[in-house]
């Protein structure tokens, strides 16, 4: 079995330190990508909200046009 020396421990610790630094870098990249995805998701949610608002306005206008042209049936008609 190999003898455990200070040099061997030092080399192992340097390798661990290098691996930790690489892991930190990778995590940092993942955070950047996650923030970009979050931004896109927020933009999509805003777009969907705007679409619903537009549809609601169109529905109100269409209802008004139908009432004006008397195209809707009265709920009280026999």
Protein backbone atom coordinates (compact mmCIF):
# COMPACT_ATOMS: atom_id res chain seq x y z
CA UNK A 1 0.00 0.00 0.00
CA UNK A 2 1.25 3.48 -0.88
CA UNK A 3 2.52 5.59 1.92
CA UNK A 4 0.41 8.65 2.76
CA UNK A 5 2.61 11.71 2.67
CA UNK A 6 1.98 15.40 2.90
CA UNK A 7 2.78 15.72 -0.81
CA UNK A 8 0.18 13.10 -1.70
CA UNK A 9 -2.44 14.80 0.47
CA UNK A 10 -1.50 18.15 -1.08
CA UNK A 11 -1.94 16.77 -4.62
CA UNK A 12 -5.33 15.25 -3.75
CA UNK A 13 -6.48 18.53 -2.18
CA UNK A 14 -5.34 20.46 -5.29
CA UNK A 15 -7.38 18.09 -7.48
CA UNK A 16 -10.42 18.53 -5.23
CA UNK A 17 -9.97 22.30 -5.31
CA UNK A 18 -9.80 22.23 -9.14
CA UNK A 19 -12.97 20.10 -9.32
CA UNK A 20 -14.80 22.48 -6.98
CA UNK A 21 -13.76 25.45 -9.10
CA UNK A 22 -15.06 23.72 -12.25
CA UNK A 23 -18.31 22.89 -10.48
CA UNK A 24 -18.73 26.51 -9.41
CA UNK A 25 -18.19 27.62 -12.99
CA UNK A 26 -20.74 25.12 -14.27
CA UNK A 27 -23.30 26.20 -11.67
CA UNK A 28 -22.71 29.80 -12.65
CA UNK A 29 -23.43 28.96 -16.31
CA UNK A 30 -26.60 27.11 -15.33
CA UNK A 31 -27.75 30.14 -13.33
CA UNK A 32 -27.26 32.40 -16.34
CA UNK A 33 -29.23 30.04 -18.56
CA UNK A 34 -31.98 29.73 -15.95
CA UNK A 35 -32.30 33.50 -15.70
CA UNK A 36 -32.59 33.70 -19.50
CA UNK A 37 -35.33 31.06 -19.46
CA UNK A 38 -37.11 32.92 -16.66
CA UNK A 39 -37.05 36.08 -18.77
CA UNK A 40 -38.54 34.26 -21.75
CA UNK A 41 -41.23 32.71 -19.56
CA UNK A 42 -42.22 36.10 -18.17
CA UNK A 43 -42.37 37.52 -21.70
CA UNK A 44 -44.61 34.64 -22.82
CA UNK A 45 -46.91 35.15 -19.84
CA UNK A 46 -47.22 38.84 -20.70
CA UNK A 47 -47.95 37.98 -24.34
CA UNK A 48 -50.68 35.54 -23.29
CA UNK A 49 -52.16 38.15 -20.97
CA UNK A 50 -52.20 40.67 -23.82
CA UNK A 51 -53.90 38.14 -26.11
CA UNK A 52 -56.62 37.50 -23.53
CA UNK A 53 -57.14 41.24 -23.09
CA UNK A 54 -57.49 41.67 -26.85
CA UNK A 55 -59.94 38.76 -27.07
CA UNK A 56 -62.01 40.25 -24.27
CA UNK A 57 -62.17 43.62 -26.04
CA UNK A 58 -63.22 41.90 -29.29
CA UNK A 59 -65.88 39.90 -27.46
CA UNK A 60 -67.33 43.06 -25.91
CA UNK A 61 -67.36 44.81 -29.29
CA UNK A 62 -68.97 41.81 -30.98
CA UNK A 63 -71.67 41.64 -28.30
CA UNK A 64 -72.38 45.33 -28.79
CA UNK A 65 -72.61 44.89 -32.59
CA UNK A 66 -74.95 41.91 -32.23
CA UNK A 67 -77.22 43.85 -29.88
CA UNK A 68 -77.24 46.84 -32.19
CA UNK A 69 -78.16 44.68 -35.18
CA UNK A 70 -80.59 42.70 -33.05
CA UNK A 71 -78.86 39.42 -33.91
CA UNK A 72 -78.99 38.02 -30.41
CA UNK A 73 -81.96 36.20 -29.02
CA UNK A 74 -83.55 37.69 -25.98
CA UNK A 75 -83.30 35.42 -22.94
CA UNK A 76 -86.99 36.27 -22.24
CA UNK A 77 -88.30 35.26 -25.68
CA UNK A 78 -90.86 32.42 -25.69
